[in-house]
Protein backbone atom coordinates (compact mmCIF):
# COMPACT_ATOMS: atom_id res chain seq x y z
CA MET A 1 76.04 107.33 163.83
CA ASN A 2 78.54 105.48 165.27
CA ILE A 3 82.26 106.75 166.22
CA LYS A 4 83.47 105.05 162.59
CA GLU A 5 80.77 107.06 160.43
CA LEU A 6 81.35 110.15 162.51
CA GLY A 7 85.02 109.87 161.96
CA LYS A 8 84.57 109.08 158.10
CA MET A 9 82.74 112.10 157.83
CA MET A 10 84.99 114.30 159.83
CA GLU A 11 87.96 113.12 157.68
CA GLU A 12 86.07 113.73 154.32
CA LEU A 13 85.00 117.24 155.57
CA LEU A 14 88.08 118.35 156.38
CA GLY A 15 89.92 117.13 153.55
CA LEU A 16 92.28 115.17 155.41
CA ASN A 17 95.12 113.18 153.49
CA TYR A 18 95.46 110.45 156.28
CA PRO A 19 92.88 109.40 159.07
CA ALA A 20 92.49 111.05 162.60
CA VAL A 21 93.87 108.73 164.98
CA ALA A 22 91.77 107.52 168.05
CA VAL A 23 93.62 106.69 170.77
CA LYS A 24 92.28 104.68 174.03
CA LEU A 25 93.50 104.17 177.50
CA ALA A 26 92.92 100.52 178.81
CA LYS A 27 92.56 99.96 182.51
CA SER A 28 92.97 96.34 181.91
CA PRO A 29 92.92 93.50 179.50
CA GLY A 30 89.12 93.21 179.42
CA ASP A 31 89.18 96.91 178.12
CA ILE A 32 90.97 95.82 174.98
CA PRO A 33 88.48 95.89 172.14
CA GLU A 34 87.61 92.50 170.37
CA GLY A 35 89.92 91.35 167.55
CA TYR A 36 92.88 93.98 168.78
CA SER A 37 96.41 92.37 168.62
CA GLU A 38 99.38 93.67 170.55
CA ILE A 39 101.92 95.27 168.37
CA LYS A 40 105.00 93.28 167.85
CA ASP A 41 107.32 96.27 167.15
CA LYS A 42 108.96 98.07 169.99
CA ILE A 43 108.76 101.85 169.26
CA ARG A 44 107.58 105.37 170.62
CA HIS A 45 103.75 106.13 171.31
CA CYS A 46 104.21 108.85 168.58
CA GLU A 47 105.51 106.48 166.14
CA MET A 48 102.43 104.43 167.02
CA VAL A 49 100.36 107.27 165.96
CA GLN A 50 102.05 107.59 162.84
CA LYS A 51 101.78 103.93 162.21
CA VAL A 52 98.15 104.11 162.39
CA ARG A 53 97.56 107.37 159.91
CA LYS A 54 100.02 105.98 157.42
CA GLU A 55 99.23 102.20 157.45
CA GLY A 56 95.67 102.35 158.35
CA ILE A 57 95.95 99.43 161.12
CA LYS A 58 94.81 99.28 164.64
CA PHE A 59 96.71 97.27 167.71
CA TYR A 60 97.39 97.81 171.27
CA ALA A 61 100.69 98.53 173.13
CA THR A 62 101.60 97.27 176.60
CA ASN A 63 104.54 98.90 178.33
CA GLU A 64 106.81 96.29 176.87
CA ASN A 65 106.39 97.81 173.28
CA HIS A 66 106.69 101.51 174.25
CA LEU A 67 110.22 102.38 173.32
CA CYS A 68 109.84 105.80 174.99
CA LYS A 69 109.34 105.33 178.52
CA GLY A 70 108.71 108.87 179.03
CA GLY A 71 105.63 108.89 176.59
CA ALA A 72 104.50 105.58 177.96
CA HIS A 73 104.37 107.33 181.56
CA ASN A 74 102.56 110.39 180.41
CA ILE A 75 99.73 108.27 179.10
CA GLY A 76 99.98 106.09 182.30
CA VAL A 77 101.28 102.72 180.71
CA ASN A 78 104.22 103.14 182.91
CA GLN A 79 104.19 104.17 186.31
CA SER A 80 107.68 103.48 187.51
CA PRO A 81 108.63 105.84 190.14
CA ASN A 82 112.21 106.97 188.92
CA ILE A 83 110.78 107.80 185.52
CA GLU A 84 110.43 111.54 185.93
CA ASP A 85 113.71 112.53 187.36
CA LEU A 86 115.17 110.16 184.44
CA GLU A 87 113.41 112.34 181.98
CA ILE A 88 114.40 115.56 183.35
CA LYS A 89 117.89 114.79 183.66
CA LEU A 90 117.81 113.45 179.75
CA HIS A 91 116.34 116.83 178.65
CA VAL A 92 119.08 118.43 180.13
CA LYS A 93 121.98 115.89 178.62
CA LEU A 94 119.88 116.63 175.17
CA GLY A 95 120.56 120.19 175.57
CA ASN A 96 116.83 121.33 175.82
CA PHE A 97 117.15 123.20 179.04
CA LYS A 98 120.02 125.12 180.33
CA THR A 99 119.76 123.53 184.12
CA TYR A 100 118.12 120.77 185.92
CA GLU A 101 115.81 123.25 187.70
CA SER A 102 114.38 124.50 184.20
CA SER A 103 113.84 120.97 183.08
CA LYS A 104 112.38 120.03 186.19
CA LYS A 105 109.79 123.10 186.23
CA THR A 106 108.36 122.14 182.67
CA MET A 107 108.55 118.44 182.96
CA GLU A 108 106.72 118.67 186.26
CA LEU A 109 103.70 120.64 184.20
CA VAL A 110 103.79 117.85 181.28
CA PRO A 111 99.84 116.37 181.54
CA LYS A 112 100.22 113.05 182.84
CA ILE A 113 97.84 110.27 183.66
CA ARG A 114 98.63 109.30 187.22
CA GLU A 115 96.13 105.97 187.32
CA GLN A 116 97.96 102.71 186.07
CA MET A 117 96.89 101.94 182.39
CA TYR A 118 97.51 98.10 180.87
CA ALA A 119 97.77 99.36 177.44
CA SER A 120 97.37 102.10 174.89
CA VAL A 121 94.67 101.20 171.99
CA TYR A 122 95.13 102.68 168.47
CA ALA A 123 93.25 102.76 165.10
CA PRO A 124 92.14 105.11 162.47
CA LEU A 125 89.19 107.08 163.79
CA SER A 126 87.10 105.83 160.65
CA ASP A 127 87.68 102.56 161.67
CA ALA A 128 87.78 102.27 165.55
CA ASP A 129 85.69 99.91 167.35
CA PHE A 130 85.87 101.97 170.71
CA LYS A 131 84.97 104.91 172.26
CA PRO A 132 88.31 107.03 172.23
CA ASP A 133 89.86 109.26 175.25
CA SER A 134 91.65 111.50 172.37
CA ILE A 135 91.19 112.03 168.78
CA VAL A 136 94.87 113.00 167.68
CA VAL A 137 94.85 115.19 164.20
CA VAL A 138 97.88 115.72 162.66
CA THR A 139 98.02 118.07 159.63
CA THR A 140 98.95 121.08 158.14
CA PRO A 141 98.00 124.44 159.90
CA LYS A 142 95.46 125.46 157.44
CA ILE A 143 93.40 122.35 158.30
CA GLY A 144 94.24 122.82 161.95
CA LEU A 145 92.54 126.34 161.74
CA ARG A 146 89.56 125.04 160.41
CA LEU A 147 89.22 122.60 163.03
CA SER A 148 89.81 125.33 165.44
CA GLN A 149 87.02 127.24 164.01
CA ALA A 150 84.85 124.22 163.90
CA LEU A 151 85.58 123.74 167.66
CA LEU A 152 84.44 127.17 168.50
CA TYR A 153 81.44 127.26 166.11
CA SER A 154 78.35 126.40 168.29
CA LYS A 155 79.74 127.26 171.77
CA GLY A 156 82.52 130.15 171.12
CA GLY A 157 85.52 130.61 173.32
CA ARG A 158 88.87 130.35 172.58
CA ILE A 159 91.06 127.13 171.62
CA HIS A 160 93.61 126.26 174.63
CA ALA A 161 97.04 125.51 172.99
CA SER A 162 99.36 124.23 176.14
CA PHE A 163 102.89 122.87 175.05
CA ALA A 164 106.43 123.42 175.86
CA GLY A 165 107.88 121.90 172.65
CA THR A 166 108.43 118.29 174.57
CA GLN A 167 106.16 115.43 175.06
CA SER A 168 103.73 116.55 172.64
CA LEU A 169 101.96 113.46 171.14
CA CYS A 170 101.91 111.63 174.49
CA GLY A 171 101.52 114.72 177.11
CA ASP A 172 99.62 117.37 175.08
CA ALA A 173 97.58 115.28 172.38
CA VAL A 174 96.45 112.61 174.73
CA ALA A 175 97.09 112.98 178.44
CA ALA A 176 95.98 116.73 178.32
CA VAL A 177 92.63 115.86 176.54
CA LYS A 178 91.65 113.03 178.47
CA LEU A 179 92.23 115.10 181.92
CA SER A 180 90.76 117.90 180.79
CA GLY A 181 87.88 116.93 178.52
CA THR A 182 88.87 119.70 175.98
CA ALA A 183 90.78 119.96 172.86
CA ASN A 184 94.40 121.05 172.62
CA ALA A 185 96.60 122.15 170.10
CA THR A 186 100.44 121.52 169.95
CA LEU A 187 103.32 121.95 167.42
CA ALA A 188 104.81 118.48 168.33
CA CYS A 189 108.53 117.90 169.66
CA ASN A 190 111.86 117.19 168.69
CA GLY A 191 111.57 113.19 169.26
CA SER A 192 108.14 113.01 167.38
CA ARG A 193 109.76 115.22 164.41
CA LYS A 194 112.88 112.88 164.38
CA TYR A 195 111.28 109.34 165.25
CA ALA A 196 107.67 109.75 164.04
CA LYS A 197 108.56 111.93 160.94
CA ILE A 198 105.88 114.73 161.94
CA GLU A 199 106.87 117.18 158.87
CA ASP A 200 107.72 120.57 159.24
CA ASN A 201 104.67 121.97 157.94
CA GLU A 202 102.54 119.89 160.22
CA MET A 203 100.75 120.48 163.53
CA VAL A 204 98.80 118.70 165.91
CA VAL A 205 95.42 119.22 167.20
CA ALA A 206 93.82 116.53 169.65
CA PHE A 207 89.97 116.62 171.02
CA PRO A 208 87.37 114.29 172.79
CA PRO A 209 84.78 112.15 171.00
CA SER A 210 82.51 114.65 172.54
CA GLU A 211 83.16 117.46 170.24
CA LEU A 212 82.75 115.24 167.01
CA GLU A 213 78.83 115.98 165.79
CA ASN A 214 79.47 119.45 166.70
CA ILE A 215 82.77 119.83 164.65
CA ILE A 216 80.72 117.87 161.76
CA ASP A 217 77.94 120.19 161.74
CA ALA A 218 80.44 123.53 161.96
CA LEU A 219 82.26 121.88 158.81
CA LYS A 220 79.12 121.48 157.02
CA HIS A 221 78.13 124.96 157.49
CA PHE A 222 81.27 126.18 156.44
CA ARG A 223 81.19 124.16 153.18
CA GLU A 224 77.99 125.77 152.73
CA VAL A 225 79.01 129.31 153.10
CA TRP A 226 82.80 129.39 152.40
CA GLY A 227 82.78 126.75 149.73
């Protein structure tokens, strides 16, 4: 099966109201899938994920399209050297941390792609024309539970959930998955809930495409034994 077929099957088995989102980090213009256009808006990465979920569209975004430079930096699209210090100061100014030092300690631990990327590419997983670096599922905790169980069904272990309540859909859901090659769960952040409208009853589970077939096998089994 191709990525579209696997994506559609997973979305149906999970009972998702909106599709999972495939995110690819393109190193050069040649890595952009054929037929994808640059988004016209200037919005945040988290808003782009939501735009794909809610509108079912696909596109790519260069640094010029990314309104949140911290998010763009985390996924490698913006490698400006002063961004990290600006982000540290911004989070103190916003009241997210008591001191510069506490902000710095946290922000330095946010997963970041250090290699320069040309653009981020987005599509509904069930309509993706590329192999994603991360598959992002924004859903309810109950479906997040079922997805977590599916991730562990064949190999066992525990789900990795590394987050700090900031940089969630960029650092936690894309950069962390690409860097580690494993799934991560996160609770979204102030920015993604305010600007991208992640709802109060929603969380985020992200994982690499290598997990798709195992997840589908598990979900089929769960349907048989649990209904």
